[in-house]
Protein backbone atom coordinates (compact mmCIF):
# COMPACT_ATOMS: atom_id res chain seq x y z
CA MET A 1 -136.55 9.72 24.94
CA PRO A 2 -133.95 9.97 22.25
CA SER A 3 -130.37 8.71 23.06
CA ILE A 4 -127.53 11.22 23.32
CA ARG A 5 -125.24 10.95 20.32
CA HIS A 6 -121.39 11.07 20.94
CA ASP A 7 -119.14 12.15 18.06
CA SER A 8 -116.02 10.17 19.23
CA PRO A 9 -115.00 7.23 21.39
CA HIS A 10 -113.33 9.80 23.56
CA GLU A 11 -116.72 11.67 24.22
CA ALA A 12 -118.61 8.57 24.84
CA LEU A 13 -116.23 7.35 27.42
CA THR A 14 -115.98 10.71 28.94
CA ALA A 15 -119.67 10.81 29.34
CA ARG A 16 -119.78 7.18 30.93
CA LEU A 17 -116.98 8.09 33.44
CA ARG A 18 -118.69 11.34 34.27
CA ALA A 19 -122.03 9.48 35.03
CA ALA A 20 -119.94 7.16 37.31
CA GLY A 21 -118.77 10.09 39.37
CA CYS A 22 -115.28 10.67 37.90
CA VAL A 23 -114.54 14.28 38.32
CA PHE A 24 -111.61 14.39 35.78
CA ALA A 25 -113.55 12.08 33.34
CA GLU A 26 -112.15 13.88 30.13
CA ASP A 27 -108.48 13.39 31.23
CA GLU A 28 -109.22 9.85 32.53
CA ALA A 29 -110.87 8.84 29.25
CA ARG A 30 -107.81 9.93 27.28
CA LEU A 31 -105.39 7.95 29.52
CA LEU A 32 -107.69 4.81 29.30
CA ILE A 33 -108.03 4.91 25.56
CA SER A 34 -104.06 5.52 25.34
CA ALA A 35 -103.38 2.57 27.69
CA ALA A 36 -105.78 -0.05 26.13
CA GLN A 37 -104.45 -2.37 23.60
CA THR A 38 -107.81 -3.66 22.31
CA PRO A 39 -111.47 -2.65 22.48
CA GLU A 40 -112.05 -5.55 24.98
CA ALA A 41 -109.21 -4.20 27.24
CA LEU A 42 -110.70 -0.64 27.00
CA GLU A 43 -114.15 -2.03 28.11
CA SER A 44 -112.60 -4.01 30.97
CA MET A 45 -110.68 -1.03 32.21
CA THR A 46 -113.57 1.44 31.87
CA SER A 47 -115.73 -1.11 33.82
CA ARG A 48 -113.34 -1.30 36.77
CA ARG A 49 -112.94 2.47 36.85
CA ALA A 50 -116.59 3.07 36.65
CA ALA A 51 -117.12 0.57 39.55
CA GLY A 52 -114.76 2.79 41.70
CA LEU A 53 -111.26 1.23 41.32
CA PRO A 54 -108.74 3.93 41.61
CA LEU A 55 -107.59 5.20 37.98
CA GLU A 56 -103.93 4.26 38.99
CA HIS A 57 -104.87 0.73 39.72
CA VAL A 58 -106.63 0.43 36.57
CA LEU A 59 -103.77 1.78 34.58
CA GLY A 60 -101.10 0.07 36.64
CA TRP A 61 -99.03 3.29 37.21
CA ALA A 62 -99.16 6.64 38.88
CA GLU A 63 -97.46 9.84 37.78
CA PHE A 64 -95.23 11.11 40.52
CA CYS A 65 -92.41 13.74 40.28
CA GLY A 66 -92.58 13.20 36.55
CA LEU A 67 -92.11 9.48 36.82
CA ARG A 68 -94.44 6.57 36.05
CA ILE A 69 -94.59 4.66 39.30
CA ALA A 70 -96.09 1.14 39.18
CA VAL A 71 -98.85 0.65 41.46
CA ASP A 72 -100.49 -2.72 41.84
CA THR A 73 -104.11 -3.22 42.88
CA GLY A 74 -104.38 -2.97 46.70
CA VAL A 75 -101.20 -0.99 47.10
CA PHE A 76 -101.41 2.77 48.35
CA VAL A 77 -101.53 5.25 45.56
CA PRO A 78 -98.96 8.05 45.88
CA ARG A 79 -100.57 11.48 46.31
CA ARG A 80 -99.33 14.59 44.34
CA ARG A 81 -98.97 16.49 47.70
CA THR A 82 -96.30 14.06 48.68
CA GLU A 83 -94.03 15.48 45.96
CA PHE A 84 -93.39 18.23 48.59
CA LEU A 85 -91.84 15.53 50.82
CA VAL A 86 -89.59 14.69 47.92
CA ARG A 87 -88.61 18.32 47.21
CA GLN A 88 -87.63 18.81 50.75
CA ALA A 89 -85.56 15.80 50.96
CA ALA A 90 -83.73 16.59 47.72
CA ALA A 91 -83.03 20.00 48.95
CA LEU A 92 -81.45 18.74 52.14
CA LEU A 93 -79.24 16.26 50.16
CA ASP A 94 -78.18 19.04 47.85
CA GLY A 95 -77.40 21.32 50.79
CA TRP A 96 -75.46 18.61 52.46
CA ARG A 97 -73.29 17.96 49.36
CA ARG A 98 -72.60 21.75 48.87
CA GLU A 99 -71.39 22.00 52.47
CA SER A 100 -69.28 19.05 52.70
CA PRO A 101 -65.83 18.59 51.24
CA VAL A 102 -66.14 16.76 47.98
CA ALA A 103 -63.31 14.29 48.68
CA ALA A 104 -64.91 13.32 52.08
CA LEU A 105 -68.28 12.72 50.61
CA PRO A 106 -69.65 9.26 51.00
CA SER A 107 -72.94 8.22 49.25
CA PRO A 108 -75.62 9.59 51.53
CA VAL A 109 -77.84 7.12 53.13
CA VAL A 110 -81.61 7.55 52.33
CA VAL A 111 -84.44 5.59 53.92
CA ASP A 112 -88.08 5.62 52.53
CA LEU A 113 -89.81 4.36 55.57
CA CYS A 114 -93.58 3.14 55.20
CA CYS A 115 -92.63 3.28 51.40
CA GLY A 116 -95.84 1.75 49.83
CA SER A 117 -94.92 1.62 46.08
CA GLY A 118 -91.63 3.16 46.76
CA ALA A 119 -92.57 6.41 44.94
CA VAL A 120 -90.57 8.64 47.27
CA GLY A 121 -87.48 6.61 47.32
CA ALA A 122 -87.71 6.11 43.40
CA ALA A 123 -88.17 9.80 42.87
CA LEU A 124 -85.21 10.73 45.24
CA ALA A 125 -83.07 8.13 43.47
CA ALA A 126 -83.99 9.60 40.07
CA LEU A 127 -83.94 13.29 41.01
CA ALA A 128 -81.65 13.90 43.89
CA GLY A 129 -78.37 12.44 42.82
CA PRO A 130 -76.39 9.29 43.94
CA ALA A 131 -77.41 7.74 47.29
CA GLU A 132 -77.48 4.49 49.12
CA LEU A 133 -81.29 4.02 49.10
CA HIS A 134 -83.30 1.61 51.37
CA CYS A 135 -87.03 1.37 51.39
CA ALA A 136 -89.12 -0.53 53.98
CA ASP A 137 -92.81 -1.48 54.35
CA ILE A 138 -94.88 -4.07 56.29
CA ASP A 139 -97.13 -4.94 53.52
CA PRO A 140 -95.84 -7.82 51.26
CA ALA A 141 -97.98 -6.51 48.29
CA ALA A 142 -96.29 -3.10 48.70
CA VAL A 143 -92.85 -4.37 49.07
CA ALA A 144 -93.13 -6.38 45.66
CA CYS A 145 -94.38 -3.12 44.03
CA ALA A 146 -91.65 -1.16 45.47
CA ARG A 147 -89.09 -3.62 44.11
CA THR A 148 -90.37 -2.98 40.70
CA ASN A 149 -89.91 0.67 41.07
CA VAL A 150 -86.72 0.75 43.22
CA LEU A 151 -84.50 -2.04 42.30
CA PRO A 152 -83.87 -0.83 38.65
CA LEU A 153 -82.61 2.46 40.39
CA GLY A 154 -79.98 0.79 42.56
CA GLY A 155 -82.01 0.81 45.90
CA GLN A 156 -83.03 -2.06 48.32
CA VAL A 157 -86.36 -2.81 49.55
CA HIS A 158 -87.01 -4.51 52.88
CA GLU A 159 -90.18 -6.24 54.32
CA GLY A 160 -90.90 -5.54 57.92
CA ASP A 161 -92.34 -3.22 60.51
CA LEU A 162 -90.74 0.28 60.45
CA TYR A 163 -87.04 0.03 61.38
CA ALA A 164 -87.02 -3.72 62.12
CA PRO A 165 -85.99 -4.91 58.57
CA LEU A 166 -83.26 -2.26 57.92
CA PRO A 167 -79.71 -3.50 57.99
CA PRO A 168 -78.15 -2.77 61.34
CA GLY A 169 -75.16 -1.12 59.65
CA LEU A 170 -77.40 1.85 58.72
CA ARG A 171 -77.67 2.85 62.38
CA GLY A 172 -76.36 6.33 63.01
CA ARG A 173 -75.67 6.75 59.09
CA VAL A 174 -79.02 7.85 57.73
CA ARG A 175 -78.83 11.27 56.23
CA VAL A 176 -82.61 11.65 55.09
CA LEU A 177 -85.22 9.61 56.55
CA ALA A 178 -88.48 10.29 54.49
CA VAL A 179 -91.65 8.91 56.12
CA ASN A 180 -95.16 8.97 54.69
CA ALA A 181 -96.71 7.01 57.54
CA PRO A 182 -100.57 6.86 58.00
CA TYR A 183 -101.90 9.79 59.68
CA VAL A 184 -105.65 9.78 59.36
CA PRO A 185 -107.41 9.51 62.71
CA SER A 186 -109.39 6.20 62.85
CA ALA A 187 -112.74 7.94 63.18
CA ASP A 188 -112.19 9.80 59.99
CA ILE A 189 -111.57 6.82 57.67
CA GLU A 190 -115.16 6.40 56.85
CA THR A 191 -115.26 9.96 55.67
CA MET A 192 -112.53 9.38 53.03
CA PRO A 193 -113.16 9.11 49.32
CA GLN A 194 -114.45 5.62 48.33
CA GLU A 195 -111.33 4.99 46.09
CA ALA A 196 -109.03 5.18 49.23
CA ARG A 197 -111.50 3.67 51.74
CA LEU A 198 -112.44 0.50 49.78
CA HIS A 199 -109.35 -0.02 47.52
CA GLU A 200 -106.28 0.85 49.68
CA PRO A 201 -105.16 -1.10 52.85
CA ARG A 202 -106.55 0.40 55.80
CA ALA A 203 -103.12 0.12 57.51
CA CYS A 204 -101.84 2.54 54.92
CA LEU A 205 -104.49 5.08 56.08
CA ASP A 206 -105.20 4.63 59.78
CA GLY A 207 -102.92 6.41 62.09
CA GLY A 208 -104.92 5.57 65.29
CA VAL A 209 -107.08 7.56 67.52
CA ASP A 210 -105.33 10.96 66.73
CA GLY A 211 -103.53 9.88 63.70
CA LEU A 212 -100.15 10.08 65.21
CA GLU A 213 -99.68 6.52 66.66
CA VAL A 214 -97.21 5.60 63.82
CA GLN A 215 -95.45 8.75 63.89
CA ARG A 216 -94.71 8.36 67.53
CA ARG A 217 -93.08 4.98 66.76
CA VAL A 218 -91.07 6.54 63.96
CA ALA A 219 -89.88 9.34 66.21
CA ALA A 220 -88.96 7.00 68.93
CA GLY A 221 -86.38 5.28 66.78
CA ALA A 222 -85.30 8.28 64.53
CA LEU A 223 -82.36 9.28 66.72
CA HIS A 224 -80.75 6.02 66.65
CA TRP A 225 -80.75 5.84 62.88
CA LEU A 226 -80.02 9.34 61.86
CA ALA A 227 -76.52 10.49 61.32
CA PRO A 228 -75.38 13.70 63.26
CA GLY A 229 -77.01 16.49 61.15
CA GLY A 230 -79.38 13.92 59.47
CA HIS A 231 -83.05 14.73 58.96
CA VAL A 232 -86.28 12.90 59.42
CA LEU A 233 -89.09 14.36 57.16
CA ILE A 234 -92.60 13.26 58.00
CA GLU A 235 -95.65 14.05 55.93
CA THR A 236 -98.65 15.06 58.14
CA SER A 237 -101.80 17.38 58.01
CA ARG A 238 -101.93 21.09 58.72
CA ARG A 239 -104.00 20.47 61.80
CA GLN A 240 -101.71 17.73 62.99
CA ALA A 241 -98.33 19.44 62.34
CA ALA A 242 -97.90 20.97 65.73
CA GLY A 243 -98.53 17.53 67.32
CA THR A 244 -95.89 15.95 65.02
CA ALA A 245 -93.41 18.51 65.88
CA ARG A 246 -93.98 18.09 69.58
CA ILE A 247 -93.52 14.31 69.23
CA LEU A 248 -90.09 14.73 67.41
CA ARG A 249 -88.97 17.24 69.97
CA ARG A 250 -89.90 14.90 72.73
CA HIS A 251 -87.52 12.37 71.28
CA GLY A 252 -84.61 14.74 71.16
CA LEU A 253 -84.93 16.21 67.56
CA ALA A 254 -85.11 19.86 66.59
CA ALA A 255 -88.36 20.37 64.53
CA ARG A 256 -89.86 22.70 62.17
CA VAL A 257 -93.07 22.70 60.13
CA LEU A 258 -92.85 23.14 56.33
CA ARG A 259 -95.87 23.86 54.03
CA SER A 260 -96.71 24.13 50.38
CA GLU A 261 -99.99 26.02 49.63
CA GLU A 262 -99.50 24.98 45.96
CA LEU A 263 -99.73 21.19 46.79
CA GLY A 264 -101.84 21.59 50.00
CA ALA A 265 -98.97 19.73 51.62
CA THR A 266 -97.48 19.84 55.16
CA VAL A 267 -94.18 18.15 56.20
CA VAL A 268 -92.57 18.39 59.73
CA ALA A 269 -88.74 18.12 59.59
CA GLY A 270 -86.78 16.89 62.59
CA VAL A 271 -82.93 17.19 62.65
CA ARG A 272 -80.39 15.25 64.87
CA ARG A 273 -78.17 18.06 66.00
CA ALA A 274 -74.64 17.60 64.76
CA SER A 275 -73.30 17.58 68.30
CA THR A 276 -73.13 14.03 69.54
CA GLU A 277 -73.11 14.94 73.06
């Protein structure tokens, strides 16, 4: 059987990636060719991608909110749908600034909890104006990656479980608490794409039996960290949104569900009422 002729390196690489099951093979081939410094590097990168390593881990970065976010191997890859969480957080910060007397405005405290690579925090630092930014994650690899993305933007990154590593002085001062905690039910992990299932830490994906276990822990502490009128924004799924909202209300927060059909994204926003009664 005669071999198939390819007229360019891009076509050959596209065919190889497509044969490996890469849905966006043409775009990925272009990115790999652009990133590789030598033919040997291109071959190494292509082999790793064809073997199932996420493209972002091969490239070393992910595009998110118009930024290149460094993503190390073994660190959760930021999803495009999470840009909706950033948009909502930025809108809240903008609204707060508009409604508050300029002379009385301190820098708002923003916390990116379960930050992974720090993509949400970095995007907010770059796009939403001056803020006192703190990011936190329990995974040392994620924390190291987040520091690469966040420290140059003036933020801080803390290693530990949820609120535990945050400076105590932030209690009652957080204007926006952005949370992309794991929310996949344990039984559904095996149905996820191989790229996530095999190459991202299970702790970044597994939300327990109903997917809401980490969200419950986030909600239990939110009221103590939020400023009056401050918001917690939690990414969740459409089918879990009502449960997420109930959890926030159970812990004293007013809650509403926000959706983006464009991004296929769902966020539940909880607010600490301005009254401190």
